C-alpha atoms as a PDB file:
ATOM      1  CA  MET A   1     -31.168 -19.932 -29.523  1.00  0.00           C
ATOM      2  CA  ARG A   2     -33.795 -22.654 -29.138  1.00  0.00           C
ATOM      3  CA  THR A   3     -36.404 -20.402 -30.770  1.00  0.00           C
ATOM      4  CA  LYS A   4     -34.084 -19.740 -33.702  1.00  0.00           C
ATOM      5  CA  THR A   5     -33.421 -23.474 -34.081  1.00  0.00           C
ATOM      6  CA  PHE A   6     -37.148 -24.245 -33.966  1.00  0.00           C
ATOM      7  CA  LEU A   7     -37.930 -21.594 -36.569  1.00  0.00           C
ATOM      8  CA  SER A   8     -35.336 -23.022 -38.959  1.00  0.00           C
ATOM      9  CA  TYR A   9     -37.494 -26.153 -39.299  1.00  0.00           C
ATOM     10  CA  VAL A  10     -40.777 -24.302 -39.937  1.00  0.00           C
ATOM     11  CA  PRO A  11     -40.472 -24.233 -43.775  1.00  0.00           C
ATOM     12  CA  TYR A  12     -39.862 -28.006 -43.735  1.00  0.00           C
ATOM     13  CA  ALA A  13     -42.914 -28.494 -41.545  1.00  0.00           C
ATOM     14  CA  LEU A  14     -45.069 -26.391 -43.879  1.00  0.00           C
ATOM     15  CA  ALA A  15     -43.942 -28.353 -46.949  1.00  0.00           C
ATOM     16  CA  ALA A  16     -44.654 -31.545 -45.008  1.00  0.00           C
ATOM     17  CA  LEU A  17     -48.190 -30.420 -44.177  1.00  0.00           C
ATOM     18  CA  ILE A  18     -48.842 -29.537 -47.827  1.00  0.00           C
ATOM     19  CA  ASN A  19     -47.528 -32.916 -48.952  1.00  0.00           C
ATOM     20  CA  LEU A  20     -49.570 -34.863 -46.420  1.00  0.00           C
ATOM     21  CA  GLY A  21     -52.734 -32.905 -47.142  1.00  0.00           C
ATOM     22  CA  ALA A  22     -52.278 -33.384 -50.873  1.00  0.00           C
ATOM     23  CA  ASN A  23     -51.765 -37.129 -50.382  1.00  0.00           C
ATOM     24  CA  LEU A  24     -55.009 -37.367 -48.434  1.00  0.00           C
ATOM     25  CA  ALA A  25     -56.771 -35.395 -51.176  1.00  0.00           C
ATOM     26  CA  HIS A  26     -55.099 -37.506 -53.903  1.00  0.00           C
ATOM     27  CA  ALA A  27     -53.673 -34.319 -55.444  1.00  0.00           C
ATOM     28  CA  THR A  28     -50.651 -36.098 -56.913  1.00  0.00           C
ATOM     29  CA  ALA A  29     -49.001 -33.118 -58.598  1.00  0.00           C
ATOM     30  CA  VAL A  30     -49.147 -30.973 -55.452  1.00  0.00           C
ATOM     31  CA  ALA A  31     -47.916 -33.857 -53.297  1.00  0.00           C
ATOM     32  CA  THR A  32     -44.985 -34.487 -55.633  1.00  0.00           C
ATOM     33  CA  GLY A  33     -44.001 -30.813 -55.770  1.00  0.00           C
ATOM     34  CA  ALA A  34     -44.081 -30.519 -51.990  1.00  0.00           C
ATOM     35  CA  GLN A  35     -42.104 -33.757 -51.614  1.00  0.00           C
ATOM     36  CA  TRP A  36     -39.339 -32.425 -53.863  1.00  0.00           C
ATOM     37  CA  LEU A  37     -39.044 -29.377 -51.591  1.00  0.00           C
ATOM     38  CA  LEU A  38     -38.703 -31.349 -48.368  1.00  0.00           C
ATOM     39  CA  MET A  39     -35.021 -32.291 -48.404  1.00  0.00           C
ATOM     40  CA  PRO A  40     -33.717 -28.931 -49.714  1.00  0.00           C
ATOM     41  CA  LEU A  41     -35.667 -27.206 -46.922  1.00  0.00           C
ATOM     42  CA  LEU A  42     -34.288 -29.660 -44.361  1.00  0.00           C
ATOM     43  CA  VAL A  43     -30.751 -28.966 -45.618  1.00  0.00           C
ATOM     44  CA  LEU A  44     -31.340 -25.238 -45.091  1.00  0.00           C
ATOM     45  CA  ALA A  45     -32.694 -25.942 -41.597  1.00  0.00           C
ATOM     46  CA  VAL A  46     -29.617 -28.016 -40.723  1.00  0.00           C
ATOM     47  CA  LEU A  47     -27.278 -25.291 -41.975  1.00  0.00           C
ATOM     48  CA  GLN A  48     -29.051 -22.798 -39.708  1.00  0.00           C
ATOM     49  CA  ALA A  49     -29.306 -25.096 -36.670  1.00  0.00           C
ATOM     50  CA  MET A  50     -25.915 -26.837 -36.732  1.00  0.00           C
ATOM     51  CA  ARG A  51     -23.388 -25.199 -34.409  1.00  0.00           C
ATOM     52  CA  PRO A  52     -20.490 -25.301 -34.970  1.00  0.00           C
ATOM     53  CA  LEU A  53     -21.134 -25.671 -38.683  1.00  0.00           C
ATOM     54  CA  ARG A  54     -17.624 -26.925 -39.426  1.00  0.00           C
ATOM     55  CA  ASN A  55     -17.480 -30.365 -37.842  1.00  0.00           C
ATOM     56  CA  PRO A  56     -17.033 -34.005 -38.982  1.00  0.00           C
ATOM     57  CA  VAL A  57     -20.793 -34.653 -39.058  1.00  0.00           C
ATOM     58  CA  THR A  58     -22.200 -31.852 -41.216  1.00  0.00           C
ATOM     59  CA  PRO A  59     -20.838 -32.999 -44.642  1.00  0.00           C
ATOM     60  CA  TRP A  60     -22.190 -36.519 -44.134  1.00  0.00           C
ATOM     61  CA  LEU A  61     -25.587 -35.325 -42.915  1.00  0.00           C
ATOM     62  CA  ILE A  62     -25.927 -32.920 -45.840  1.00  0.00           C
ATOM     63  CA  ALA A  63     -24.862 -35.661 -48.259  1.00  0.00           C
ATOM     64  CA  ALA A  64     -27.454 -38.031 -46.743  1.00  0.00           C
ATOM     65  CA  LEU A  65     -30.203 -35.448 -47.205  1.00  0.00           C
ATOM     66  CA  VAL A  66     -29.089 -34.679 -50.770  1.00  0.00           C
ATOM     67  CA  PHE A  67     -29.140 -38.377 -51.678  1.00  0.00           C
ATOM     68  CA  SER A  68     -32.546 -38.664 -49.998  1.00  0.00           C
ATOM     69  CA  TRP A  69     -33.740 -35.842 -52.231  1.00  0.00           C
ATOM     70  CA  GLY A  70     -32.287 -37.717 -55.199  1.00  0.00           C
ATOM     71  CA  GLY A  71     -34.314 -40.748 -54.134  1.00  0.00           C
ATOM     72  CA  ASP A  72     -37.477 -38.636 -53.861  1.00  0.00           C
ATOM     73  CA  VAL A  73     -37.006 -37.389 -57.425  1.00  0.00           C
ATOM     74  CA  LEU A  74     -35.635 -40.518 -59.071  1.00  0.00           C
ATOM     75  CA  LEU A  75     -38.182 -42.998 -57.715  1.00  0.00           C
ATOM     76  CA  GLY A  76     -40.701 -41.411 -60.053  1.00  0.00           C
ATOM     77  CA  VAL A  77     -38.359 -42.025 -62.991  1.00  0.00           C
ATOM     78  CA  SER A  78     -36.653 -45.311 -62.175  1.00  0.00           C
ATOM     79  CA  PHE A  79     -37.108 -47.521 -59.121  1.00  0.00           C
ATOM     80  CA  ALA A  80     -33.515 -48.766 -59.413  1.00  0.00           C
ATOM     81  CA  LEU A  81     -32.057 -45.250 -59.527  1.00  0.00           C
ATOM     82  CA  GLY A  82     -34.236 -44.087 -56.637  1.00  0.00           C
ATOM     83  CA  LEU A  83     -33.282 -47.123 -54.580  1.00  0.00           C
ATOM     84  CA  GLY A  84     -29.600 -46.496 -55.326  1.00  0.00           C
ATOM     85  CA  SER A  85     -29.846 -42.895 -54.214  1.00  0.00           C
ATOM     86  CA  PHE A  86     -31.517 -43.851 -50.940  1.00  0.00           C
ATOM     87  CA  LEU A  87     -28.878 -46.562 -50.458  1.00  0.00           C
ATOM     88  CA  LEU A  88     -26.171 -43.887 -50.642  1.00  0.00           C
ATOM     89  CA  ALA A  89     -28.185 -41.776 -48.182  1.00  0.00           C
ATOM     90  CA  HIS A  90     -28.147 -44.611 -45.645  1.00  0.00           C
ATOM     91  CA  VAL A  91     -24.408 -45.100 -46.111  1.00  0.00           C
ATOM     92  CA  CYS A  92     -23.883 -41.390 -45.404  1.00  0.00           C
ATOM     93  CA  PHE A  93     -26.092 -41.576 -42.301  1.00  0.00           C
ATOM     94  CA  ILE A  94     -24.072 -44.561 -41.044  1.00  0.00           C
ATOM     95  CA  VAL A  95     -20.809 -42.650 -41.486  1.00  0.00           C
ATOM     96  CA  ALA A  96     -22.301 -39.622 -39.700  1.00  0.00           C
ATOM     97  CA  PHE A  97     -23.362 -41.819 -36.764  1.00  0.00           C
ATOM     98  CA  THR A  98     -19.843 -43.214 -36.426  1.00  0.00           C
ATOM     99  CA  ARG A  99     -18.127 -39.839 -36.109  1.00  0.00           C
ATOM    100  CA  ARG A 100     -16.626 -39.436 -32.645  1.00  0.00           C
ATOM    101  CA  THR A 101     -18.876 -36.421 -32.014  1.00  0.00           C
ATOM    102  CA  VAL A 102     -21.940 -38.659 -32.195  1.00  0.00           C
ATOM    103  CA  ARG A 103     -21.135 -42.305 -31.533  1.00  0.00           C
ATOM    104  CA  GLY A 104     -21.779 -44.029 -28.240  1.00  0.00           C
ATOM    105  CA  GLY A 105     -24.296 -41.466 -27.018  1.00  0.00           C
ATOM    106  CA  ASN A 106     -26.976 -43.959 -25.949  1.00  0.00           C
ATOM    107  CA  PRO A 107     -26.025 -45.485 -22.584  1.00  0.00           C
ATOM    108  CA  GLU A 108     -28.756 -48.134 -22.938  1.00  0.00           C
ATOM    109  CA  TRP A 109     -27.273 -49.622 -26.112  1.00  0.00           C
ATOM    110  CA  ARG A 110     -25.917 -53.169 -25.815  1.00  0.00           C
ATOM    111  CA  PRO A 111     -24.559 -55.531 -28.502  1.00  0.00           C
ATOM    112  CA  ARG A 112     -27.546 -57.843 -28.034  1.00  0.00           C
ATOM    113  CA  ARG A 113     -29.760 -55.059 -29.404  1.00  0.00           C
ATOM    114  CA  ILE A 114     -28.436 -55.914 -32.860  1.00  0.00           C
ATOM    115  CA  TRP A 115     -30.654 -59.000 -33.067  1.00  0.00           C
ATOM    116  CA  PRO A 116     -34.017 -57.202 -33.322  1.00  0.00           C
ATOM    117  CA  TYR A 117     -32.711 -55.430 -36.427  1.00  0.00           C
ATOM    118  CA  VAL A 118     -31.554 -58.736 -37.917  1.00  0.00           C
ATOM    119  CA  ALA A 119     -35.034 -60.117 -37.301  1.00  0.00           C
ATOM    120  CA  LEU A 120     -36.572 -56.970 -38.789  1.00  0.00           C
ATOM    121  CA  PHE A 121     -34.487 -57.345 -41.948  1.00  0.00           C
ATOM    122  CA  PHE A 122     -35.619 -60.931 -42.490  1.00  0.00           C
ATOM    123  CA  ALA A 123     -39.230 -60.029 -41.710  1.00  0.00           C
ATOM    124  CA  LEU A 124     -39.218 -57.275 -44.336  1.00  0.00           C
ATOM    125  CA  LEU A 125     -37.438 -59.484 -46.842  1.00  0.00           C
ATOM    126  CA  SER A 126     -39.975 -62.264 -46.355  1.00  0.00           C
ATOM    127  CA  LEU A 127     -42.753 -59.865 -47.341  1.00  0.00           C
ATOM    128  CA  VAL A 128     -41.323 -59.108 -50.782  1.00  0.00           C
ATOM    129  CA  VAL A 129     -38.839 -61.881 -51.639  1.00  0.00           C
ATOM    130  CA  THR A 130     -41.170 -63.617 -54.089  1.00  0.00           C
ATOM    131  CA  HIS A 131     -42.549 -60.378 -55.542  1.00  0.00           C
ATOM    132  CA  VAL A 132     -39.542 -58.274 -56.642  1.00  0.00           C
ATOM    133  CA  GLY A 133     -38.217 -60.495 -59.422  1.00  0.00           C
ATOM    134  CA  ALA A 134     -34.838 -59.483 -60.833  1.00  0.00           C
ATOM    135  CA  MET A 135     -34.596 -56.644 -58.313  1.00  0.00           C
ATOM    136  CA  LEU A 136     -34.065 -59.108 -55.440  1.00  0.00           C
ATOM    137  CA  PRO A 137     -30.256 -58.626 -55.095  1.00  0.00           C
ATOM    138  CA  ALA A 138     -30.672 -54.840 -55.034  1.00  0.00           C
ATOM    139  CA  VAL A 139     -33.519 -55.098 -52.532  1.00  0.00           C
ATOM    140  CA  ILE A 140     -31.399 -57.320 -50.260  1.00  0.00           C
ATOM    141  CA  VAL A 141     -28.470 -54.893 -50.349  1.00  0.00           C
ATOM    142  CA  TYR A 142     -30.774 -51.965 -49.683  1.00  0.00           C
ATOM    143  CA  GLY A 143     -32.524 -53.761 -46.830  1.00  0.00           C
ATOM    144  CA  LEU A 144     -29.174 -54.551 -45.211  1.00  0.00           C
ATOM    145  CA  ALA A 145     -28.112 -50.902 -45.475  1.00  0.00           C
ATOM    146  CA  LEU A 146     -31.444 -49.682 -44.107  1.00  0.00           C
ATOM    147  CA  CYS A 147     -31.435 -51.982 -41.077  1.00  0.00           C
ATOM    148  CA  THR A 148     -27.729 -51.328 -40.442  1.00  0.00           C
ATOM    149  CA  MET A 149     -28.436 -47.606 -40.436  1.00  0.00           C
ATOM    150  CA  ALA A 150     -31.250 -48.076 -37.923  1.00  0.00           C
ATOM    151  CA  CYS A 151     -29.097 -50.332 -35.748  1.00  0.00           C
ATOM    152  CA  VAL A 152     -26.115 -47.950 -35.714  1.00  0.00           C
ATOM    153  CA  ALA A 153     -28.482 -45.061 -34.962  1.00  0.00           C
ATOM    154  CA  GLY A 154     -29.472 -46.910 -31.803  1.00  0.00           C
ATOM    155  CA  PHE A 155     -25.859 -46.676 -30.616  1.00  0.00           C
ATOM    156  CA  THR A 156     -25.919 -42.905 -30.781  1.00  0.00           C
ATOM    157  CA  SER A 157     -28.986 -41.436 -29.045  1.00  0.00           C
ATOM    158  CA  ARG A 158     -32.630 -42.171 -28.377  1.00  0.00           C
ATOM    159  CA  VAL A 159     -33.751 -39.531 -30.893  1.00  0.00           C
ATOM    160  CA  LEU A 160     -31.584 -41.027 -33.626  1.00  0.00           C
ATOM    161  CA  GLU A 161     -32.647 -44.534 -32.675  1.00  0.00           C
ATOM    162  CA  LEU A 162     -36.284 -43.518 -33.071  1.00  0.00           C
ATOM    163  CA  GLY A 163     -35.492 -41.881 -36.408  1.00  0.00           C
ATOM    164  CA  GLY A 164     -33.833 -45.052 -37.673  1.00  0.00           C
ATOM    165  CA  VAL A 165     -36.735 -47.260 -36.625  1.00  0.00           C
ATOM    166  CA  VAL A 166     -39.318 -44.929 -38.171  1.00  0.00           C
ATOM    167  CA  PHE A 167     -37.302 -44.944 -41.420  1.00  0.00           C
ATOM    168  CA  VAL A 168     -37.516 -48.751 -41.483  1.00  0.00           C
ATOM    169  CA  VAL A 169     -41.274 -48.533 -40.920  1.00  0.00           C
ATOM    170  CA  SER A 170     -41.603 -46.039 -43.777  1.00  0.00           C
ATOM    171  CA  ASP A 171     -39.643 -48.166 -46.239  1.00  0.00           C
ATOM    172  CA  GLY A 172     -41.516 -51.267 -45.104  1.00  0.00           C
ATOM    173  CA  LEU A 173     -44.828 -49.593 -45.858  1.00  0.00           C
ATOM    174  CA  LEU A 174     -43.482 -48.438 -49.228  1.00  0.00           C
ATOM    175  CA  ALA A 175     -42.325 -51.967 -50.089  1.00  0.00           C
ATOM    176  CA  VAL A 176     -45.746 -53.395 -49.252  1.00  0.00           C
ATOM    177  CA  HIS A 177     -47.434 -50.645 -51.274  1.00  0.00           C
ATOM    178  CA  LEU A 178     -45.225 -51.219 -54.324  1.00  0.00           C
ATOM    179  CA  PHE A 179     -44.880 -54.989 -54.352  1.00  0.00           C
ATOM    180  CA  ARG A 180     -47.774 -56.461 -52.392  1.00  0.00           C
ATOM    181  CA  ALA A 181     -51.013 -55.343 -53.975  1.00  0.00           C
ATOM    182  CA  ASP A 182     -52.696 -58.164 -52.080  1.00  0.00           C
ATOM    183  CA  LEU A 183     -51.843 -56.432 -48.770  1.00  0.00           C
ATOM    184  CA  HIS A 184     -53.826 -53.243 -49.225  1.00  0.00           C
ATOM    185  CA  VAL A 185     -52.775 -50.365 -46.977  1.00  0.00           C
ATOM    186  CA  PRO A 186     -55.450 -47.618 -46.829  1.00  0.00           C
ATOM    187  CA  GLN A 187     -54.009 -44.198 -47.674  1.00  0.00           C
ATOM    188  CA  ALA A 188     -50.606 -45.829 -48.180  1.00  0.00           C
ATOM    189  CA  SER A 189     -48.969 -42.728 -49.681  1.00  0.00           C
ATOM    190  CA  PHE A 190     -49.975 -40.661 -46.665  1.00  0.00           C
ATOM    191  CA  TRP A 191     -48.537 -43.130 -44.146  1.00  0.00           C
ATOM    192  CA  VAL A 192     -45.352 -43.675 -46.153  1.00  0.00           C
ATOM    193  CA  MET A 193     -44.729 -39.935 -46.342  1.00  0.00           C
ATOM    194  CA  LEU A 194     -45.710 -39.260 -42.731  1.00  0.00           C
ATOM    195  CA  THR A 195     -43.175 -41.774 -41.433  1.00  0.00           C
ATOM    196  CA  TYR A 196     -40.532 -40.691 -43.963  1.00  0.00           C
ATOM    197  CA  ILE A 197     -40.921 -37.004 -43.064  1.00  0.00           C
ATOM    198  CA  ALA A 198     -40.724 -37.830 -39.355  1.00  0.00           C
ATOM    199  CA  ALA A 199     -37.676 -40.092 -39.806  1.00  0.00           C
ATOM    200  CA  GLU A 200     -35.653 -37.544 -41.776  1.00  0.00           C
ATOM    201  CA  LEU A 201     -36.536 -34.820 -39.265  1.00  0.00           C
ATOM    202  CA  LEU A 202     -35.576 -36.973 -36.272  1.00  0.00           C
ATOM    203  CA  LEU A 203     -32.242 -37.921 -37.855  1.00  0.00           C
ATOM    204  CA  ALA A 204     -31.451 -34.284 -38.686  1.00  0.00           C
ATOM    205  CA  ILE A 205     -32.413 -33.036 -35.221  1.00  0.00           C
ATOM    206  CA  GLY A 206     -30.584 -35.876 -33.491  1.00  0.00           C
ATOM    207  CA  LEU A 207     -27.341 -35.202 -35.343  1.00  0.00           C
ATOM    208  CA  THR A 208     -27.482 -31.435 -34.884  1.00  0.00           C
ATOM    209  CA  ARG A 209     -28.119 -31.904 -31.156  1.00  0.00           C
ATOM    210  CA  ALA A 210     -25.196 -34.300 -30.868  1.00  0.00           C
ATOM    211  CA  VAL A 211     -22.871 -31.776 -32.480  1.00  0.00           C
ATOM    212  CA  ARG A 212     -24.132 -28.886 -30.369  1.00  0.00           C
ATOM    213  CA  ARG A 213     -23.634 -30.871 -27.151  1.00  0.00           C
ATOM    214  CA  ALA A 214     -20.209 -32.222 -28.048  1.00  0.00           C
ATOM    215  CA  PRO A 215     -17.010 -30.862 -26.480  1.00  0.00           C
ATOM    216  CA  SER A 216     -14.505 -28.799 -28.441  1.00  0.00           C
ATOM    217  CA  PRO A 217     -14.823 -29.919 -32.072  1.00  0.00           C
ATOM    218  CA  ALA A 218     -11.197 -29.393 -33.116  1.00  0.00           C
ATOM    219  CA  PRO A 219      -9.741 -32.420 -31.286  1.00  0.00           C
ATOM    220  CA  LEU A 220     -12.694 -34.552 -32.355  1.00  0.00           C
ATOM    221  CA  ALA A 221     -12.224 -33.587 -35.999  1.00  0.00           C
ATOM    222  CA  LEU A 222      -8.527 -34.463 -35.751  1.00  0.00           C
ATOM    223  CA  GLN A 223      -9.308 -37.874 -34.258  1.00  0.00           C
ATOM    224  CA  ASP A 224     -11.893 -38.592 -36.926  1.00  0.00           C
ATOM    225  CA  ALA A 225      -9.417 -37.581 -39.642  1.00  0.00           C
ATOM    226  CA  GLN A 226      -6.775 -39.868 -38.143  1.00  0.00           C
ATOM    227  CA  ALA A 227      -9.305 -42.729 -37.879  1.00  0.00           C
ATOM    228  CA  THR A 228     -10.196 -42.508 -41.567  1.00  0.00           C
ATOM    229  CA  SER A 229      -6.667 -41.918 -42.870  1.00  0.00           C
END
């Protein structure tokens, strides 16, 4: 079973290697094509790895990956549309983390661990606040969603916590690359994509593991349905 689960992620890994290699070689067209394949391949991997497939987490995880794919595609067309799609992805991740199957899985989590994410939000905002112009309200909303996602991930498991933090790092690097030309990051596209690829993979693996390790899903699904009704 573990071998089958591992193999389900191989196509994603191959697309990731192509994307990263193309970014290093500045082959923009190849990098873009490989990037657009990443999330569909990760969706296929999740559908193969998630057991049981019918559970309260799967629809939200798939939706998060689909909106992430929308962000990958739309950022090249419109920054606002791409940002909006990634915002919806983070909302879906947050909902997935709060399903009873997943939540509360990190015994080391304490309420005081919220404060580092608050500090991280303000640190990221301080980097771009005077450089984003009319996009500032949207950037603030997105930053709040991003750091909330990372914080809630910390409540679930160490793997998901790491995925959330790496996602913040990725978006921080992207923000510096897009808005702070004075803060040059060598091979910025490579590092942005490396952290993004790792973050999405960690979040997908963390959620599939949580579902696989959970007790009987039927009562959990009923409780989640009652909680949201």
